[in-house]
Amino acid sequence: MFSHIMVGANNIEESKKFYDAALGALGYGPGVVDPKGRCFYFTDTGVFAISVPIDGNPACHGNGSTIGFAVESPEQGDAWHAAGVANGGTTCEDPPGIREGEMGSMYLAYMRDPAGNKICALKRMG
């Protein structure tokens, strides 16, 4: 459904360090910075990118917005969360773990990146 997702960052190096660690825990290589200073993570299914806003205003998170990353297991999600928090992220929502709801059993882990963007690791358990 999506070709790419780009989030704003106020400090590309700080955000790259965070995403290199968090996405590295999911098996992805380090981001590639282009001549315009944007950082890209390329996969077979899409692109995730970080950029300083082109309008010159500070980056800010979208209230109510969450970007979800698929994980293969709760253990991989825990590693993703730990790597992100150790590299400038902050935990948010409930602690990482399996939750039961109308949509079934899911592993969820939430955190905010250095610019405040809320991201999530998700694994449907059933």
N, C-alpha and C. Protein backbone atom coordinates (compact mmCIF):
# COMPACT_ATOMS: atom_id res chain seq x y z
N MET A 1 0.81 -1.19 0.00
CA MET A 1 0.00 0.00 0.00
C MET A 1 0.86 1.26 0.00
N PHE A 2 1.98 1.25 0.69
CA PHE A 2 2.82 2.45 0.80
C PHE A 2 4.11 2.28 0.02
N SER A 3 4.54 3.35 -0.64
CA SER A 3 5.83 3.32 -1.33
C SER A 3 6.94 3.76 -0.39
N HIS A 4 6.60 4.74 0.49
CA HIS A 4 7.60 5.25 1.43
C HIS A 4 6.91 6.00 2.56
N ILE A 5 7.64 6.16 3.63
CA ILE A 5 7.22 6.98 4.76
C ILE A 5 8.40 7.86 5.11
N MET A 6 8.15 9.16 5.28
CA MET A 6 9.20 10.09 5.69
C MET A 6 8.72 10.83 6.93
N VAL A 7 9.60 10.91 7.93
CA VAL A 7 9.30 11.68 9.13
C VAL A 7 10.31 12.80 9.26
N GLY A 8 9.89 13.84 9.94
CA GLY A 8 10.76 14.98 10.17
C GLY A 8 11.74 14.73 11.29
N ALA A 9 12.89 15.36 11.18
CA ALA A 9 13.93 15.28 12.21
C ALA A 9 14.60 16.65 12.32
N ASN A 10 14.96 17.04 13.53
CA ASN A 10 15.67 18.31 13.73
C ASN A 10 17.17 18.13 13.67
N ASN A 11 17.63 16.91 13.90
CA ASN A 11 19.06 16.60 13.88
C ASN A 11 19.21 15.25 13.18
N ILE A 12 19.62 15.26 11.93
CA ILE A 12 19.70 14.03 11.14
C ILE A 12 20.67 13.03 11.77
N GLU A 13 21.82 13.49 12.23
CA GLU A 13 22.80 12.55 12.81
C GLU A 13 22.23 11.87 14.05
N GLU A 14 21.56 12.62 14.92
CA GLU A 14 20.95 12.05 16.13
C GLU A 14 19.85 11.05 15.76
N SER A 15 19.00 11.42 14.81
CA SER A 15 17.93 10.53 14.39
C SER A 15 18.47 9.32 13.64
N LYS A 16 19.51 9.50 12.84
CA LYS A 16 20.12 8.38 12.12
C LYS A 16 20.69 7.37 13.11
N LYS A 17 21.35 7.85 14.15
CA LYS A 17 21.89 6.95 15.17
C LYS A 17 20.77 6.12 15.79
N PHE A 18 19.66 6.79 16.12
CA PHE A 18 18.51 6.11 16.69
C PHE A 18 17.96 5.05 15.73
N TYR A 19 17.65 5.45 14.48
CA TYR A 19 17.06 4.51 13.52
C TYR A 19 18.04 3.43 13.07
N ASP A 20 19.33 3.75 12.96
CA ASP A 20 20.31 2.70 12.65
C ASP A 20 20.24 1.59 13.71
N ALA A 21 20.12 1.98 14.98
CA ALA A 21 20.07 1.00 16.06
C ALA A 21 18.73 0.26 16.07
N ALA A 22 17.63 0.99 16.04
CA ALA A 22 16.31 0.37 16.13
C ALA A 22 16.03 -0.51 14.91
N LEU A 23 16.29 0.01 13.72
CA LEU A 23 16.05 -0.79 12.51
C LEU A 23 17.10 -1.87 12.33
N GLY A 24 18.30 -1.63 12.86
CA GLY A 24 19.34 -2.67 12.85
C GLY A 24 18.90 -3.88 13.65
N ALA A 25 18.15 -3.66 14.74
CA ALA A 25 17.64 -4.77 15.54
C ALA A 25 16.63 -5.60 14.75
N LEU A 26 16.08 -5.03 13.68
CA LEU A 26 15.15 -5.76 12.81
C LEU A 26 15.84 -6.36 11.60
N GLY A 27 17.17 -6.17 11.52
CA GLY A 27 17.93 -6.77 10.43
C GLY A 27 18.20 -5.85 9.26
N TYR A 28 17.89 -4.57 9.37
CA TYR A 28 18.13 -3.63 8.28
C TYR A 28 19.48 -2.94 8.45
N GLY A 29 20.11 -2.61 7.33
CA GLY A 29 21.39 -1.94 7.35
C GLY A 29 21.24 -0.47 7.71
N PRO A 30 22.37 0.21 7.92
CA PRO A 30 22.34 1.64 8.26
C PRO A 30 21.71 2.47 7.15
N GLY A 31 21.15 3.60 7.54
CA GLY A 31 20.56 4.52 6.58
C GLY A 31 21.63 5.14 5.69
N VAL A 32 21.19 5.58 4.51
CA VAL A 32 22.07 6.23 3.53
C VAL A 32 21.67 7.70 3.44
N VAL A 33 22.62 8.59 3.67
CA VAL A 33 22.35 10.03 3.61
C VAL A 33 22.65 10.52 2.21
N ASP A 34 21.67 11.22 1.61
CA ASP A 34 21.85 11.74 0.26
C ASP A 34 22.48 13.13 0.29
N PRO A 35 22.81 13.70 -0.86
CA PRO A 35 23.46 15.02 -0.90
C PRO A 35 22.61 16.15 -0.28
N LYS A 36 21.30 15.94 -0.16
CA LYS A 36 20.43 16.95 0.46
C LYS A 36 20.35 16.78 1.98
N GLY A 37 21.04 15.78 2.52
CA GLY A 37 21.05 15.56 3.96
C GLY A 37 19.91 14.70 4.48
N ARG A 38 19.12 14.10 3.59
CA ARG A 38 18.05 13.20 4.01
C ARG A 38 18.63 11.81 4.19
N CYS A 39 18.03 11.03 5.08
CA CYS A 39 18.51 9.68 5.36
C CYS A 39 17.45 8.67 4.95
N PHE A 40 17.87 7.66 4.17
CA PHE A 40 16.95 6.67 3.62
C PHE A 40 17.33 5.25 4.05
N TYR A 41 16.30 4.46 4.36
CA TYR A 41 16.43 3.04 4.66
C TYR A 41 15.63 2.32 3.57
N PHE A 42 16.32 1.64 2.67
CA PHE A 42 15.70 0.98 1.53
C PHE A 42 15.44 -0.50 1.84
N THR A 43 14.25 -0.98 1.49
CA THR A 43 13.92 -2.40 1.62
C THR A 43 13.29 -2.87 0.32
N ASP A 44 13.03 -4.14 0.21
CA ASP A 44 12.37 -4.68 -0.99
C ASP A 44 10.92 -4.23 -1.09
N THR A 45 10.33 -3.81 0.01
CA THR A 45 8.91 -3.47 0.01
C THR A 45 8.62 -1.98 0.17
N GLY A 46 9.62 -1.17 0.41
CA GLY A 46 9.39 0.26 0.57
C GLY A 46 10.60 0.97 1.16
N VAL A 47 10.40 2.24 1.43
CA VAL A 47 11.47 3.11 1.92
C VAL A 47 10.99 3.84 3.16
N PHE A 48 11.84 3.90 4.17
CA PHE A 48 11.61 4.74 5.35
C PHE A 48 12.68 5.82 5.31
N ALA A 49 12.29 7.07 5.56
CA ALA A 49 13.24 8.17 5.45
C ALA A 49 13.05 9.19 6.56
N ILE A 50 14.13 9.91 6.86
CA ILE A 50 14.09 11.03 7.80
C ILE A 50 14.67 12.24 7.10
N SER A 51 14.09 13.40 7.40
CA SER A 51 14.52 14.63 6.73
C SER A 51 14.25 15.84 7.61
N VAL A 52 15.12 16.82 7.53
CA VAL A 52 14.82 18.12 8.11
C VAL A 52 13.70 18.71 7.25
N PRO A 53 12.67 19.30 7.84
CA PRO A 53 11.58 19.84 7.04
C PRO A 53 12.08 20.86 6.01
N ILE A 54 11.56 20.75 4.79
CA ILE A 54 12.02 21.63 3.71
C ILE A 54 11.50 23.05 3.84
N ASP A 55 10.48 23.26 4.69
CA ASP A 55 9.95 24.62 4.86
C ASP A 55 10.75 25.45 5.85
N GLY A 56 11.79 24.85 6.45
CA GLY A 56 12.65 25.59 7.37
C GLY A 56 12.15 25.63 8.80
N ASN A 57 10.94 25.16 9.06
CA ASN A 57 10.41 25.13 10.42
C ASN A 57 10.90 23.88 11.14
N PRO A 58 10.89 23.89 12.47
CA PRO A 58 11.33 22.71 13.21
C PRO A 58 10.44 21.51 12.93
N ALA A 59 11.02 20.34 12.97
CA ALA A 59 10.25 19.10 12.86
C ALA A 59 9.43 18.93 14.13
N CYS A 60 8.25 18.38 13.98
CA CYS A 60 7.43 18.06 15.15
C CYS A 60 6.65 16.79 14.84
N HIS A 61 6.24 16.11 15.88
CA HIS A 61 5.50 14.87 15.69
C HIS A 61 4.03 15.17 15.39
N GLY A 62 3.40 14.24 14.72
CA GLY A 62 1.97 14.36 14.44
C GLY A 62 1.17 13.80 15.61
N ASN A 63 0.39 14.63 16.25
CA ASN A 63 -0.42 14.18 17.38
C ASN A 63 -1.46 13.19 16.88
N GLY A 64 -1.43 11.98 17.39
CA GLY A 64 -2.32 10.92 16.95
C GLY A 64 -1.72 10.03 15.88
N SER A 65 -0.54 10.37 15.41
CA SER A 65 0.12 9.58 14.37
C SER A 65 1.04 8.53 14.98
N THR A 66 1.07 7.35 14.38
CA THR A 66 1.99 6.29 14.77
C THR A 66 2.44 5.58 13.50
N ILE A 67 3.72 5.28 13.41
CA ILE A 67 4.25 4.48 12.32
C ILE A 67 4.63 3.13 12.90
N GLY A 68 4.09 2.06 12.31
CA GLY A 68 4.33 0.71 12.82
C GLY A 68 5.33 -0.05 11.98
N PHE A 69 6.23 -0.74 12.65
CA PHE A 69 7.22 -1.60 12.01
C PHE A 69 6.89 -3.05 12.37
N ALA A 70 6.83 -3.91 11.36
CA ALA A 70 6.54 -5.32 11.59
C ALA A 70 7.76 -6.02 12.19
N VAL A 71 7.52 -6.84 13.19
CA VAL A 71 8.58 -7.67 13.78
C VAL A 71 8.18 -9.13 13.66
N GLU A 72 9.18 -10.00 13.70
CA GLU A 72 8.94 -11.44 13.52
C GLU A 72 8.60 -12.15 14.81
N SER A 73 8.93 -11.52 15.96
CA SER A 73 8.69 -12.17 17.24
C SER A 73 8.69 -11.11 18.35
N PRO A 74 8.11 -11.44 19.51
CA PRO A 74 8.22 -10.53 20.64
C PRO A 74 9.68 -10.24 21.02
N GLU A 75 10.53 -11.24 20.90
CA GLU A 75 11.95 -11.04 21.23
C GLU A 75 12.59 -10.01 20.31
N GLN A 76 12.26 -10.06 19.02
CA GLN A 76 12.79 -9.07 18.09
C GLN A 76 12.22 -7.69 18.42
N GLY A 77 10.96 -7.63 18.79
CA GLY A 77 10.36 -6.36 19.20
C GLY A 77 11.02 -5.79 20.44
N ASP A 78 11.32 -6.66 21.41
CA ASP A 78 12.02 -6.20 22.61
C ASP A 78 13.40 -5.65 22.26
N ALA A 79 14.10 -6.33 21.34
CA ALA A 79 15.44 -5.86 20.92
C ALA A 79 15.33 -4.52 20.20
N TRP A 80 14.31 -4.36 19.36
CA TRP A 80 14.05 -3.09 18.65
C TRP A 80 13.84 -1.97 19.66
N HIS A 81 12.99 -2.22 20.64
CA HIS A 81 12.67 -1.22 21.66
C HIS A 81 13.90 -0.86 22.48
N ALA A 82 14.63 -1.86 22.93
CA ALA A 82 15.83 -1.62 23.74
C ALA A 82 16.88 -0.84 22.96
N ALA A 83 17.09 -1.20 21.69
CA ALA A 83 18.08 -0.49 20.87
C ALA A 83 17.68 0.96 20.68
N GLY A 84 16.41 1.22 20.44
CA GLY A 84 15.94 2.58 20.26
C GLY A 84 16.09 3.42 21.52
N VAL A 85 15.67 2.88 22.65
CA VAL A 85 15.77 3.62 23.91
C VAL A 85 17.23 3.88 24.27
N ALA A 86 18.11 2.94 23.98
CA ALA A 86 19.54 3.11 24.27
C ALA A 86 20.20 4.13 23.35
N ASN A 87 19.50 4.53 22.28
CA ASN A 87 20.10 5.45 21.30
C ASN A 87 19.26 6.71 21.10
N GLY A 88 18.68 7.21 22.16
CA GLY A 88 18.01 8.50 22.11
C GLY A 88 16.50 8.46 22.05
N GLY A 89 15.89 7.28 21.99
CA GLY A 89 14.44 7.19 22.00
C GLY A 89 13.90 7.20 23.42
N THR A 90 12.60 7.41 23.54
CA THR A 90 11.95 7.36 24.83
C THR A 90 10.75 6.43 24.74
N THR A 91 10.60 5.60 25.76
CA THR A 91 9.48 4.68 25.78
C THR A 91 8.19 5.46 26.01
N CYS A 92 7.10 4.97 25.45
CA CYS A 92 5.79 5.59 25.68
C CYS A 92 4.73 4.50 25.63
N GLU A 93 3.52 4.86 25.99
CA GLU A 93 2.40 3.91 26.07
C GLU A 93 2.70 2.88 27.17
N ASP A 94 2.08 1.72 27.06
CA ASP A 94 2.33 0.63 28.01
C ASP A 94 3.68 0.00 27.71
N PRO A 95 4.25 -0.74 28.66
CA PRO A 95 5.51 -1.44 28.38
C PRO A 95 5.34 -2.43 27.23
N PRO A 96 6.41 -2.76 26.51
CA PRO A 96 6.31 -3.74 25.43
C PRO A 96 5.73 -5.05 25.95
N GLY A 97 4.87 -5.66 25.15
CA GLY A 97 4.30 -6.94 25.55
C GLY A 97 3.12 -7.34 24.70
N ILE A 98 2.57 -8.50 25.01
CA ILE A 98 1.42 -9.03 24.28
C ILE A 98 0.15 -8.47 24.91
N ARG A 99 -0.74 -8.01 24.03
CA ARG A 99 -2.02 -7.45 24.47
C ARG A 99 -3.15 -8.19 23.77
N GLU A 100 -4.24 -8.35 24.49
CA GLU A 100 -5.44 -8.98 23.95
C GLU A 100 -6.45 -7.88 23.64
N GLY A 101 -7.12 -8.01 22.49
CA GLY A 101 -8.13 -7.02 22.12
C GLY A 101 -9.08 -7.57 21.08
N GLU A 102 -9.94 -6.70 20.59
CA GLU A 102 -10.92 -7.11 19.59
C GLU A 102 -10.27 -7.66 18.33
N MET A 103 -9.06 -7.22 18.04
CA MET A 103 -8.36 -7.65 16.83
C MET A 103 -7.47 -8.86 17.09
N GLY A 104 -7.60 -9.47 18.27
CA GLY A 104 -6.82 -10.65 18.59
C GLY A 104 -5.63 -10.32 19.47
N SER A 105 -4.75 -11.28 19.57
CA SER A 105 -3.55 -11.16 20.39
C SER A 105 -2.43 -10.54 19.56
N MET A 106 -1.83 -9.47 20.10
CA MET A 106 -0.75 -8.77 19.40
C MET A 106 0.36 -8.41 20.36
N TYR A 107 1.59 -8.54 19.89
CA TYR A 107 2.74 -7.97 20.60
C TYR A 107 2.86 -6.52 20.12
N LEU A 108 3.01 -5.59 21.06
CA LEU A 108 3.19 -4.17 20.73
C LEU A 108 4.28 -3.57 21.60
N ALA A 109 5.09 -2.71 21.00
CA ALA A 109 6.10 -1.93 21.73
C ALA A 109 6.11 -0.53 21.12
N TYR A 110 5.98 0.49 21.96
CA TYR A 110 5.92 1.87 21.48
C TYR A 110 7.09 2.68 22.02
N MET A 111 7.57 3.61 21.20
CA MET A 111 8.55 4.59 21.66
C MET A 111 8.48 5.81 20.76
N ARG A 112 9.13 6.87 21.22
CA ARG A 112 9.26 8.09 20.42
C ARG A 112 10.71 8.24 20.00
N ASP A 113 10.90 8.66 18.74
CA ASP A 113 12.26 8.90 18.24
C ASP A 113 12.76 10.24 18.79
N PRO A 114 14.01 10.64 18.50
CA PRO A 114 14.54 11.88 19.05
C PRO A 114 13.74 13.14 18.67
N ALA A 115 12.99 13.12 17.58
CA ALA A 115 12.17 14.27 17.18
C ALA A 115 10.75 14.18 17.73
N GLY A 116 10.43 13.12 18.47
CA GLY A 116 9.10 12.97 19.06
C GLY A 116 8.11 12.17 18.25
N ASN A 117 8.51 11.64 17.09
CA ASN A 117 7.62 10.81 16.28
C ASN A 117 7.34 9.51 17.03
N LYS A 118 6.06 9.12 17.11
CA LYS A 118 5.71 7.87 17.80
C LYS A 118 5.78 6.72 16.80
N ILE A 119 6.54 5.69 17.19
CA ILE A 119 6.69 4.50 16.35
C ILE A 119 6.36 3.27 17.19
N CYS A 120 6.06 2.20 16.50
CA CYS A 120 5.60 0.99 17.15
C CYS A 120 6.17 -0.24 16.48
N ALA A 121 6.43 -1.28 17.24
CA ALA A 121 6.73 -2.60 16.71
C ALA A 121 5.51 -3.46 16.94
N LEU A 122 5.10 -4.24 15.92
CA LEU A 122 3.88 -5.02 16.02
C LEU A 122 4.08 -6.41 15.44
N LYS A 123 3.56 -7.40 16.16
CA LYS A 123 3.51 -8.80 15.70
C LYS A 123 2.16 -9.37 16.07
N ARG A 124 1.38 -9.76 15.06
CA ARG A 124 0.10 -10.44 15.33
C ARG A 124 0.42 -11.86 15.77
N MET A 125 -0.14 -12.25 16.91
CA MET A 125 0.25 -13.51 17.54
C MET A 125 -0.56 -14.71 17.06
N GLY A 126 -1.68 -14.51 16.43
CA GLY A 126 -2.50 -15.66 16.11
C GLY A 126 -2.67 -15.86 14.69
